[in-house]
Each structure stands twice: as structure tokens, then as C-alpha cells.
Protein backbone atom coordinates (compact mmCIF):
# COMPACT_ATOMS: atom_id res chain seq x y z
CA MET A 1 75.97 82.52 114.47
CA THR A 2 77.31 84.06 111.27
CA ARG A 3 75.99 87.53 110.66
CA LEU A 4 77.78 88.34 107.42
CA ARG A 5 79.24 85.80 105.03
CA VAL A 6 81.28 86.63 101.93
CA GLU A 7 82.39 83.88 99.51
CA HIS A 8 84.68 84.25 96.51
CA LEU A 9 83.94 87.95 96.04
CA THR A 10 85.73 89.22 92.95
CA GLY A 11 85.43 92.66 91.40
CA PRO A 12 87.45 95.84 90.66
CA GLY A 13 90.54 95.61 92.86
CA VAL A 14 89.15 92.61 94.82
CA HIS A 15 90.25 89.01 94.15
CA ASP A 16 88.41 85.93 95.48
CA VAL A 17 87.76 87.21 99.02
CA THR A 18 86.04 84.87 101.55
CA LEU A 19 85.19 86.12 105.02
CA LEU A 20 82.92 85.22 107.91
CA ALA A 21 81.81 87.72 110.56
CA GLY A 22 79.81 86.43 113.51
CA ASN A 23 77.26 88.23 115.61
CA GLY A 24 78.93 91.04 117.57
CA GLU A 25 82.30 90.63 115.82
CA CYS A 26 84.55 93.48 114.78
CA ILE A 27 86.97 92.54 112.01
CA ALA A 28 89.82 95.01 111.47
CA ILE A 29 91.27 95.28 107.97
CA HIS A 30 94.56 97.01 107.16
CA GLY A 31 97.03 97.13 104.31
CA PRO A 32 98.98 99.53 102.10
CA SER A 33 97.29 102.31 100.15
CA GLY A 34 95.73 100.99 96.98
CA SER A 35 95.53 97.36 98.19
CA GLY A 36 91.74 97.24 97.76
CA LYS A 37 90.42 97.84 101.28
CA SER A 38 87.87 100.46 100.29
CA LEU A 39 87.00 98.56 97.11
CA LEU A 40 86.24 95.44 99.19
CA LEU A 41 83.81 97.39 101.43
CA ARG A 42 82.12 98.89 98.35
CA ALA A 43 81.77 95.47 96.72
CA ILE A 44 80.18 94.02 99.90
CA ALA A 45 77.84 97.01 100.03
CA ASP A 46 76.81 96.38 96.40
CA LEU A 47 78.04 99.74 95.29
CA ASP A 48 80.54 98.22 92.81
CA GLU A 49 79.71 95.25 90.58
CA ALA A 50 81.30 92.00 91.72
CA SER A 51 80.87 88.23 91.31
CA GLY A 52 80.65 85.90 94.26
CA GLU A 53 78.17 85.52 97.08
CA VAL A 54 77.28 87.60 100.12
CA TRP A 55 74.76 86.61 102.83
CA LEU A 56 73.31 88.52 105.79
CA ASP A 57 71.99 86.21 108.48
CA ASP A 58 71.95 83.38 105.90
CA GLN A 59 69.79 85.43 103.50
CA PRO A 60 71.50 85.96 100.13
CA ARG A 61 72.09 89.53 98.96
CA SER A 62 70.13 88.79 95.77
CA THR A 63 66.93 88.60 97.79
CA PHE A 64 67.26 92.24 98.98
CA SER A 65 66.54 95.33 96.96
CA GLY A 66 69.61 97.53 96.57
CA PRO A 67 68.41 100.24 98.95
CA ASP A 68 67.28 97.74 101.58
CA TRP A 69 70.67 95.91 101.43
CA ARG A 70 72.51 99.19 101.93
CA ARG A 71 70.32 100.05 104.94
CA GLN A 72 71.03 96.65 106.50
CA VAL A 73 74.70 96.52 105.49
CA SER A 74 75.66 100.16 105.94
CA TYR A 75 78.85 101.50 104.27
CA LEU A 76 80.48 104.55 105.76
CA ALA A 77 82.97 106.07 103.36
CA ALA A 78 86.07 107.98 104.51
CA GLU A 79 84.35 111.14 103.19
CA SER A 80 80.69 111.30 104.05
CA HIS A 81 78.05 112.70 101.69
CA TRP A 82 75.33 115.17 102.68
CA TRP A 83 72.38 116.16 100.47
CA ASN A 84 70.37 118.51 102.68
CA ASP A 85 71.28 121.93 104.10
CA LEU A 86 70.51 120.81 107.70
CA VAL A 87 71.70 117.79 109.63
CA GLY A 88 68.29 116.59 110.86
CA PRO A 89 66.54 115.64 107.60
CA HIS A 90 69.28 113.13 106.77
CA ALA A 91 67.59 110.45 108.95
CA ASP A 92 64.15 109.87 110.45
CA ASP A 93 65.16 108.28 113.73
CA TRP A 94 68.28 109.88 115.15
CA ARG A 95 69.10 108.34 118.57
CA SER A 96 69.80 110.87 121.32
CA GLY A 97 72.00 108.32 123.10
CA HIS A 98 74.20 107.87 120.04
CA LEU A 99 74.54 111.61 119.58
CA ALA A 100 75.40 112.13 123.23
CA THR A 101 78.07 109.39 123.17
CA LEU A 102 79.61 111.10 120.17
CA GLY A 103 79.70 114.44 122.01
CA PHE A 104 76.62 116.15 120.56
CA SER A 105 73.35 117.46 121.99
CA ASP A 106 70.10 117.07 120.05
CA ASP A 107 70.56 120.70 118.95
CA VAL A 108 72.97 119.44 116.33
CA LEU A 109 70.04 118.32 114.21
CA SER A 110 69.25 121.97 113.45
CA TRP A 111 72.81 122.81 112.44
CA GLU A 112 73.71 123.66 108.89
CA VAL A 113 75.89 121.01 107.25
CA GLN A 114 78.25 123.63 105.88
CA ARG A 115 79.23 124.72 109.36
CA LEU A 116 80.41 121.24 110.33
CA SER A 117 84.10 120.44 110.61
CA SER A 118 85.35 117.29 108.86
CA GLY A 119 85.51 115.50 112.22
CA GLU A 120 81.92 116.50 113.09
CA ARG A 121 80.74 115.27 109.70
CA GLN A 122 82.48 111.98 110.28
CA ARG A 123 80.88 111.41 113.67
CA LEU A 124 77.45 112.49 112.53
CA ALA A 125 77.67 110.22 109.46
CA LEU A 126 78.13 107.31 111.86
CA ALA A 127 75.12 108.41 113.93
CA ARG A 128 73.14 108.71 110.71
CA ALA A 129 74.07 105.16 109.67
CA LEU A 130 73.05 103.80 113.09
CA ALA A 131 69.72 105.61 112.87
CA HIS A 132 68.74 103.13 110.15
CA SER A 133 69.25 100.15 112.50
CA PRO A 134 71.76 98.26 110.32
CA ARG A 135 72.75 94.67 111.01
CA ALA A 136 76.30 95.16 109.71
CA LEU A 137 78.61 98.18 109.37
CA LEU A 138 81.34 98.60 106.75
CA LEU A 139 83.58 101.41 108.06
CA ASP A 140 86.37 103.01 106.01
CA GLU A 141 88.71 104.68 108.50
CA PRO A 142 85.88 106.17 110.63
CA THR A 143 88.23 107.97 112.98
CA ALA A 144 90.72 109.25 110.45
CA ASN A 145 89.84 112.93 111.01
CA LEU A 146 89.37 112.75 114.74
CA ASP A 147 91.48 113.61 117.76
CA GLY A 148 92.02 111.06 120.49
CA THR A 149 88.98 112.08 122.55
CA ASN A 150 86.57 111.85 119.66
CA ALA A 151 88.17 108.65 118.33
CA ALA A 152 87.53 107.09 121.75
CA ARG A 153 83.92 108.22 121.59
CA VAL A 154 83.46 106.40 118.28
CA GLU A 155 85.13 103.28 119.61
CA THR A 156 82.94 103.33 122.71
CA LEU A 157 79.73 103.74 120.74
CA LEU A 158 80.56 100.97 118.27
CA ASP A 159 81.65 98.55 120.99
CA LYS A 160 78.34 99.10 122.78
CA TRP A 161 76.35 98.84 119.54
CA ARG A 162 77.79 95.51 118.51
CA THR A 163 77.51 94.09 122.01
CA GLU A 164 73.86 95.15 122.42
CA THR A 165 72.55 94.45 118.96
CA GLY A 166 74.76 91.54 117.73
CA GLY A 167 75.68 93.65 114.69
CA CYS A 168 79.04 93.00 113.08
CA ILE A 169 81.61 95.50 111.86
CA LEU A 170 84.27 95.45 109.13
CA TRP A 171 86.58 98.29 110.14
CA VAL A 172 89.42 99.56 107.96
CA SER A 173 92.09 101.07 110.21
CA HIS A 174 95.75 102.03 109.74
CA ASP A 175 96.28 102.36 113.50
CA PRO A 176 97.76 99.22 115.10
CA ALA A 177 96.85 100.29 118.62
CA GLN A 178 93.28 100.91 117.55
CA ARG A 179 93.05 97.52 115.88
CA ARG A 180 94.19 95.85 119.09
CA ARG A 181 91.44 97.65 121.04
CA ILE A 182 88.57 97.06 118.69
CA ALA A 183 89.17 93.82 116.79
CA THR A 184 88.01 90.29 117.43
CA GLN A 185 89.87 89.28 114.20
CA GLN A 186 92.46 91.02 112.02
CA TYR A 187 93.04 90.73 108.28
CA THR A 188 95.55 92.21 105.90
CA MET A 189 94.71 93.32 102.36
CA ARG A 190 97.43 92.89 99.75
CA ALA A 191 96.87 93.47 96.01
CA GLY A 192 93.15 92.76 96.37
CA THR A 193 93.55 89.59 98.42
CA LEU A 194 92.47 89.26 102.06
CA VAL A 195 94.75 87.32 104.41
CA LYS A 196 94.13 86.49 108.10
CA SER A 197 96.76 88.22 110.25
CA ASP A 198 97.83 87.95 113.86
CA ALA A 199 97.12 90.78 116.28
CA GLU A 200 100.03 93.23 116.25
């Protein structure tokens, strides 16, 4: 069954992109800097204006409110945003299992955001997104600031999440080895156009 369907999406830096992601799929996207990878994720998330059609479980995006769409189709930027002094208030339903897999105890919820390293922010932003029970994840280099151990933790959590929930992932990654580990399909972005590519 198709979880996320994108047809003829066109917007800033994105040209006529069509894409199908089935239940439990992880689609890896790569390409040179400036090719439109981040802009594609933002357009799907309805953060940038774009023409074309996007469906979630055969329900058109136009039938969702903006906030509800972005809870269901969760975009995780390369640099996460935090708006409270403490970690905990950023979500109502943090999952202890997710935090543990990412290397945290529940005590992290009482930590001040300003004390977090960039890698800790990146992992906690993922846990925060999953706390909202999304049906699709749009991930912009979610392991870019992480060492090998913590990158593996993220991969483990996301593999388990998509297997157990049927959620799909669009994952921008510059690491060929990572793409081979995580992806069910691979695509290359070139000058705003998405092209199916063979596993490297």
C-alpha cells in the first residue's frame, strides 16, 4: 500500500517531482549541494509553496490543516529548532524506548536545551518528532553531526519504527554506505529533478 504519494510537485528549486513511498519504505535521496534535496522535503511538508499533489494514505494534503499535516508528515531539518528552555515541554508524549535507543535516560527531559551538543539536539529532535506519532518522516541528514555509534542508534531506531508502524521515510544522506544500509529505494536529485538511481 502506498503511504506517501507525490505527483508533479513543482516549487522553489523543485521541478515536476513524482514519487511513491510504500508502507515501511525508506527512500534515500542524495545529490550535490544546491540540487534541491532540502527544498523537496520542505515542499512535501507544506513549508514552501508548491504546485502539484501530495497524498498521505490516499488522503489529499488539501484535506489536512497545516499543523495536522506537519504532525503526520514530520520534517526534521538539518538544524533543529527549540523554543523552550527545557527539553521536556517540546512534546507531550516522549517515548522512553525511543530515548533509550538513542542513548538517553528519561532524565534528559529536565535538561536545559542550551547545554545540549549539536549531536544531542539532533537525536532529541528525532525523538520529539516520533513523539507525535507521524505516519511519514522527512529527514534532512539526520546523522550529519553524529559519530558512528550515535548514527547507528538513529538507524536502529528508524528501522524499528518503520517496520513496526508501517511509516515511510524520505532520508537525505550523503553517505553511500549508510544509503546501502537503510534504503529500500535510492534517488538522485539533480537541479531540482528527482531520478531513480541504482544502489551504490
